[in-house]
Amino acid sequence: MLDIVIDNREQSPWHFPEHVASTSWGTINAGDYAIKGDEERFAIERKSMNDFVGTISSGWERFCRELDRMSAKQFPARIIIIEGDYEACCFRHSAGGQILSPSHNHPRIEPAFVQKRIAELSMMQVCVLFGGDSVLAAGLAFSIFKRRFEMIATTQNKE
């Protein structure tokens, strides 16, 4: 069974199926969720749509420092899961086919800027995943943790 650590600063944490994962609270230096015992080597960063857009604009320098901490610890992957979808982050379409403003709370942030930052993150080897709502995002995180757990077990069996 996976034991997923939730960072103490999370205000409304993701929920994972109790029959396959347990959760506990702790301090994670880089990221918001991790596997217990693996917190210093791998974690997932969770972002709401509004938090993501704010982070890639006014919070960019602070966020880059967090990504640097992940790099310094040689995380095998740096993953951000956004609770929302790409279309809602950058632009929406009306029933008549018109392009509407994005559905985040940062009206001055243009879609091209968001796309540029996502491209920059990709070139920095940061995986930006749009997970839909919080339930789907938690399911995506669980799938990633399950694979990470399997990789750890395989490595330990070889030693």
C-alpha atoms as a PDB file:
ATOM      1  CA  MET A   1       0.000   0.000   0.000  1.00  0.00           C
ATOM      2  CA  LEU A   2       1.235   3.481  -0.825  1.00  0.00           C
ATOM      3  CA  ASP A   3       1.693   5.938   2.036  1.00  0.00           C
ATOM      4  CA  ILE A   4       1.352   9.404   0.524  1.00  0.00           C
ATOM      5  CA  VAL A   5       2.653  12.375   2.487  1.00  0.00           C
ATOM      6  CA  ILE A   6       0.695  15.605   2.178  1.00  0.00           C
ATOM      7  CA  ASP A   7       2.589  18.808   2.882  1.00  0.00           C
ATOM      8  CA  ASN A   8       1.401  20.558   6.059  1.00  0.00           C
ATOM      9  CA  ARG A   9       0.646  23.735   4.079  1.00  0.00           C
ATOM     10  CA  GLU A  10      -2.030  22.077   1.911  1.00  0.00           C
ATOM     11  CA  GLN A  11      -5.393  23.585   2.816  1.00  0.00           C
ATOM     12  CA  SER A  12      -7.810  21.206   1.110  1.00  0.00           C
ATOM     13  CA  PRO A  13      -5.827  18.097   0.207  1.00  0.00           C
ATOM     14  CA  TRP A  14      -6.481  15.598  -2.508  1.00  0.00           C
ATOM     15  CA  HIS A  15      -8.179  12.379  -1.460  1.00  0.00           C
ATOM     16  CA  PHE A  16      -6.859   8.990  -2.505  1.00  0.00           C
ATOM     17  CA  PRO A  17      -8.698   5.627  -2.447  1.00  0.00           C
ATOM     18  CA  GLU A  18      -8.289   4.309   1.100  1.00  0.00           C
ATOM     19  CA  HIS A  19      -8.053   0.674  -0.015  1.00  0.00           C
ATOM     20  CA  VAL A  20      -4.855   1.352  -1.987  1.00  0.00           C
ATOM     21  CA  ALA A  21      -3.280   4.389  -0.288  1.00  0.00           C
ATOM     22  CA  SER A  22      -2.912   5.831   3.160  1.00  0.00           C
ATOM     23  CA  THR A  23      -2.074   9.460   3.796  1.00  0.00           C
ATOM     24  CA  SER A  24      -0.142  11.309   6.440  1.00  0.00           C
ATOM     25  CA  TRP A  25       0.875  14.915   6.973  1.00  0.00           C
ATOM     26  CA  GLY A  26       4.455  16.121   6.931  1.00  0.00           C
ATOM     27  CA  THR A  27       6.874  18.744   5.703  1.00  0.00           C
ATOM     28  CA  ILE A  28       7.913  18.491   2.070  1.00  0.00           C
ATOM     29  CA  ASN A  29      10.647  20.959   1.098  1.00  0.00           C
ATOM     30  CA  ALA A  30       9.875  20.932  -2.622  1.00  0.00           C
ATOM     31  CA  GLY A  31       6.409  19.939  -3.813  1.00  0.00           C
ATOM     32  CA  ASP A  32       3.084  19.215  -2.141  1.00  0.00           C
ATOM     33  CA  TYR A  33       2.715  15.407  -2.235  1.00  0.00           C
ATOM     34  CA  ALA A  34       5.262  12.602  -1.964  1.00  0.00           C
ATOM     35  CA  ILE A  35       5.631   8.948  -1.061  1.00  0.00           C
ATOM     36  CA  LYS A  36       6.603   8.479   2.596  1.00  0.00           C
ATOM     37  CA  GLY A  37      10.352   7.965   2.794  1.00  0.00           C
ATOM     38  CA  ASP A  38      10.882   9.412  -0.695  1.00  0.00           C
ATOM     39  CA  GLU A  39      10.102  13.072   0.087  1.00  0.00           C
ATOM     40  CA  GLU A  40      13.665  14.244  -0.483  1.00  0.00           C
ATOM     41  CA  ARG A  41      13.916  12.540  -3.896  1.00  0.00           C
ATOM     42  CA  PHE A  42      10.542  13.025  -5.589  1.00  0.00           C
ATOM     43  CA  ALA A  43       7.368  15.061  -5.098  1.00  0.00           C
ATOM     44  CA  ILE A  44       4.460  16.416  -7.090  1.00  0.00           C
ATOM     45  CA  GLU A  45       3.532  20.087  -7.089  1.00  0.00           C
ATOM     46  CA  ARG A  46      -0.217  20.750  -7.065  1.00  0.00           C
ATOM     47  CA  LYS A  47      -1.635  23.960  -8.512  1.00  0.00           C
ATOM     48  CA  SER A  48      -5.133  25.318  -8.913  1.00  0.00           C
ATOM     49  CA  MET A  49      -5.655  27.134 -12.204  1.00  0.00           C
ATOM     50  CA  ASN A  50      -5.451  30.559 -10.526  1.00  0.00           C
ATOM     51  CA  ASP A  51      -2.408  29.586  -8.482  1.00  0.00           C
ATOM     52  CA  PHE A  52      -0.634  28.261 -11.582  1.00  0.00           C
ATOM     53  CA  VAL A  53      -1.211  31.446 -13.578  1.00  0.00           C
ATOM     54  CA  GLY A  54      -0.145  33.594 -10.624  1.00  0.00           C
ATOM     55  CA  THR A  55       2.925  31.427 -10.079  1.00  0.00           C
ATOM     56  CA  ILE A  56       4.121  31.652 -13.681  1.00  0.00           C
ATOM     57  CA  SER A  57       3.660  35.421 -13.677  1.00  0.00           C
ATOM     58  CA  SER A  58       4.252  37.308 -10.415  1.00  0.00           C
ATOM     59  CA  GLY A  59       5.571  34.249  -8.550  1.00  0.00           C
ATOM     60  CA  TRP A  60       7.972  33.114 -11.281  1.00  0.00           C
ATOM     61  CA  GLU A  61      11.264  33.760  -9.466  1.00  0.00           C
ATOM     62  CA  ARG A  62      10.120  32.014  -6.265  1.00  0.00           C
ATOM     63  CA  PHE A  63       8.783  29.093  -8.303  1.00  0.00           C
ATOM     64  CA  CYS A  64      12.067  28.762 -10.203  1.00  0.00           C
ATOM     65  CA  ARG A  65      13.861  28.527  -6.842  1.00  0.00           C
ATOM     66  CA  GLU A  66      11.566  25.644  -5.864  1.00  0.00           C
ATOM     67  CA  LEU A  67      12.284  23.922  -9.181  1.00  0.00           C
ATOM     68  CA  ASP A  68      16.003  24.477  -8.559  1.00  0.00           C
ATOM     69  CA  ARG A  69      15.666  22.741  -5.169  1.00  0.00           C
ATOM     70  CA  MET A  70      14.131  19.756  -6.976  1.00  0.00           C
ATOM     71  CA  SER A  71      17.019  19.755  -9.470  1.00  0.00           C
ATOM     72  CA  ALA A  72      19.616  20.017  -6.718  1.00  0.00           C
ATOM     73  CA  LYS A  73      18.141  16.913  -5.094  1.00  0.00           C
ATOM     74  CA  GLN A  74      18.244  15.203  -8.506  1.00  0.00           C
ATOM     75  CA  PHE A  75      14.529  14.505  -8.720  1.00  0.00           C
ATOM     76  CA  PRO A  76      13.996  12.014 -11.574  1.00  0.00           C
ATOM     77  CA  ALA A  77      11.096  14.190 -12.730  1.00  0.00           C
ATOM     78  CA  ARG A  78       9.676  17.560 -11.777  1.00  0.00           C
ATOM     79  CA  ILE A  79       5.901  17.389 -12.108  1.00  0.00           C
ATOM     80  CA  ILE A  80       3.197  20.027 -11.761  1.00  0.00           C
ATOM     81  CA  ILE A  81      -0.424  18.899 -11.850  1.00  0.00           C
ATOM     82  CA  ILE A  82      -2.875  21.700 -12.536  1.00  0.00           C
ATOM     83  CA  GLU A  83      -6.489  21.382 -11.470  1.00  0.00           C
ATOM     84  CA  GLY A  84      -8.028  22.564 -14.694  1.00  0.00           C
ATOM     85  CA  ASP A  85      -7.647  22.039 -18.386  1.00  0.00           C
ATOM     86  CA  TYR A  86      -5.486  23.720 -20.978  1.00  0.00           C
ATOM     87  CA  GLU A  87      -8.362  25.346 -22.800  1.00  0.00           C
ATOM     88  CA  ALA A  88      -9.685  26.996 -19.632  1.00  0.00           C
ATOM     89  CA  CYS A  89      -6.166  28.188 -18.808  1.00  0.00           C
ATOM     90  CA  CYS A  90      -5.527  29.835 -22.159  1.00  0.00           C
ATOM     91  CA  PHE A  91      -8.828  30.445 -23.915  1.00  0.00           C
ATOM     92  CA  ARG A  92     -12.380  29.221 -24.186  1.00  0.00           C
ATOM     93  CA  HIS A  93     -14.853  28.988 -27.042  1.00  0.00           C
ATOM     94  CA  SER A  94     -18.446  30.146 -26.933  1.00  0.00           C
ATOM     95  CA  ALA A  95     -21.274  28.058 -28.388  1.00  0.00           C
ATOM     96  CA  GLY A  96     -21.011  30.311 -31.452  1.00  0.00           C
ATOM     97  CA  GLY A  97     -17.316  29.545 -31.897  1.00  0.00           C
ATOM     98  CA  GLN A  98     -15.968  32.842 -30.574  1.00  0.00           C
ATOM     99  CA  ILE A  99     -12.823  32.812 -28.464  1.00  0.00           C
ATOM    100  CA  LEU A 100     -13.520  34.029 -24.938  1.00  0.00           C
ATOM    101  CA  SER A 101     -11.234  35.137 -22.113  1.00  0.00           C
ATOM    102  CA  PRO A 102      -9.644  32.396 -20.017  1.00  0.00           C
ATOM    103  CA  SER A 103     -11.478  31.253 -16.904  1.00  0.00           C
ATOM    104  CA  HIS A 104      -8.730  32.155 -14.414  1.00  0.00           C
ATOM    105  CA  ASN A 105      -8.676  35.289 -12.253  1.00  0.00           C
ATOM    106  CA  HIS A 106      -5.744  36.985 -13.962  1.00  0.00           C
ATOM    107  CA  PRO A 107      -7.358  39.011 -16.777  1.00  0.00           C
ATOM    108  CA  ARG A 108      -4.125  40.816 -17.705  1.00  0.00           C
ATOM    109  CA  ILE A 109      -2.283  37.560 -18.367  1.00  0.00           C
ATOM    110  CA  GLU A 110      -2.605  36.834 -22.071  1.00  0.00           C
ATOM    111  CA  PRO A 111      -2.907  33.271 -23.449  1.00  0.00           C
ATOM    112  CA  ALA A 112       0.368  33.716 -25.364  1.00  0.00           C
ATOM    113  CA  PHE A 113       2.177  34.447 -22.088  1.00  0.00           C
ATOM    114  CA  VAL A 114       0.776  31.294 -20.444  1.00  0.00           C
ATOM    115  CA  GLN A 115       1.746  29.235 -23.493  1.00  0.00           C
ATOM    116  CA  LYS A 116       5.255  30.736 -23.446  1.00  0.00           C
ATOM    117  CA  ARG A 117       5.722  29.857 -19.766  1.00  0.00           C
ATOM    118  CA  ILE A 118       4.479  26.289 -20.330  1.00  0.00           C
ATOM    119  CA  ALA A 119       6.999  25.994 -23.174  1.00  0.00           C
ATOM    120  CA  GLU A 120       9.755  27.378 -20.907  1.00  0.00           C
ATOM    121  CA  LEU A 121       8.855  24.863 -18.198  1.00  0.00           C
ATOM    122  CA  SER A 122       8.949  22.059 -20.765  1.00  0.00           C
ATOM    123  CA  MET A 123      12.411  23.151 -21.906  1.00  0.00           C
ATOM    124  CA  MET A 124      13.461  23.163 -18.235  1.00  0.00           C
ATOM    125  CA  GLN A 125      12.364  19.496 -18.160  1.00  0.00           C
ATOM    126  CA  VAL A 126       9.325  20.248 -15.995  1.00  0.00           C
ATOM    127  CA  CYS A 127       6.266  18.175 -16.793  1.00  0.00           C
ATOM    128  CA  VAL A 128       3.123  20.340 -16.769  1.00  0.00           C
ATOM    129  CA  LEU A 129       0.006  18.174 -16.603  1.00  0.00           C
ATOM    130  CA  PHE A 130      -3.539  19.481 -16.780  1.00  0.00           C
ATOM    131  CA  GLY A 131      -5.541  17.158 -14.564  1.00  0.00           C
ATOM    132  CA  GLY A 132      -9.071  18.484 -14.966  1.00  0.00           C
ATOM    133  CA  ASP A 133     -10.782  18.809 -11.593  1.00  0.00           C
ATOM    134  CA  SER A 134      -9.319  17.916  -8.194  1.00  0.00           C
ATOM    135  CA  VAL A 135     -10.631  14.328  -8.310  1.00  0.00           C
ATOM    136  CA  LEU A 136      -9.061  13.630 -11.705  1.00  0.00           C
ATOM    137  CA  ALA A 137      -5.850  15.427 -10.699  1.00  0.00           C
ATOM    138  CA  ALA A 138      -5.593  13.254  -7.565  1.00  0.00           C
ATOM    139  CA  GLY A 139      -6.115  10.162  -9.727  1.00  0.00           C
ATOM    140  CA  LEU A 140      -3.318  11.284 -12.035  1.00  0.00           C
ATOM    141  CA  ALA A 141      -1.024  11.898  -9.050  1.00  0.00           C
ATOM    142  CA  PHE A 142      -1.880   8.463  -7.660  1.00  0.00           C
ATOM    143  CA  SER A 143      -0.952   6.834 -10.988  1.00  0.00           C
ATOM    144  CA  ILE A 144       2.394   8.644 -10.972  1.00  0.00           C
ATOM    145  CA  PHE A 145       3.067   7.659  -7.354  1.00  0.00           C
ATOM    146  CA  LYS A 146       2.163   4.048  -8.086  1.00  0.00           C
ATOM    147  CA  ARG A 147       4.701   3.961 -10.930  1.00  0.00           C
ATOM    148  CA  ARG A 148       7.330   5.683  -8.768  1.00  0.00           C
ATOM    149  CA  PHE A 149       6.692   3.142  -5.975  1.00  0.00           C
ATOM    150  CA  GLU A 150       7.160   0.276  -8.463  1.00  0.00           C
ATOM    151  CA  MET A 151      10.427   1.810  -9.688  1.00  0.00           C
ATOM    152  CA  ILE A 152      11.729   2.131  -6.119  1.00  0.00           C
ATOM    153  CA  ALA A 153      10.805  -1.498  -5.369  1.00  0.00           C
ATOM    154  CA  THR A 154      12.542  -2.711  -8.547  1.00  0.00           C
ATOM    155  CA  THR A 155      15.704  -0.766  -7.678  1.00  0.00           C
ATOM    156  CA  GLN A 156      15.743  -2.098  -4.118  1.00  0.00           C
ATOM    157  CA  ASN A 157      15.292  -5.689  -5.352  1.00  0.00           C
ATOM    158  CA  LYS A 158      18.355  -5.347  -7.616  1.00  0.00           C
ATOM    159  CA  GLU A 159      20.563  -4.245  -4.712  1.00  0.00           C
END
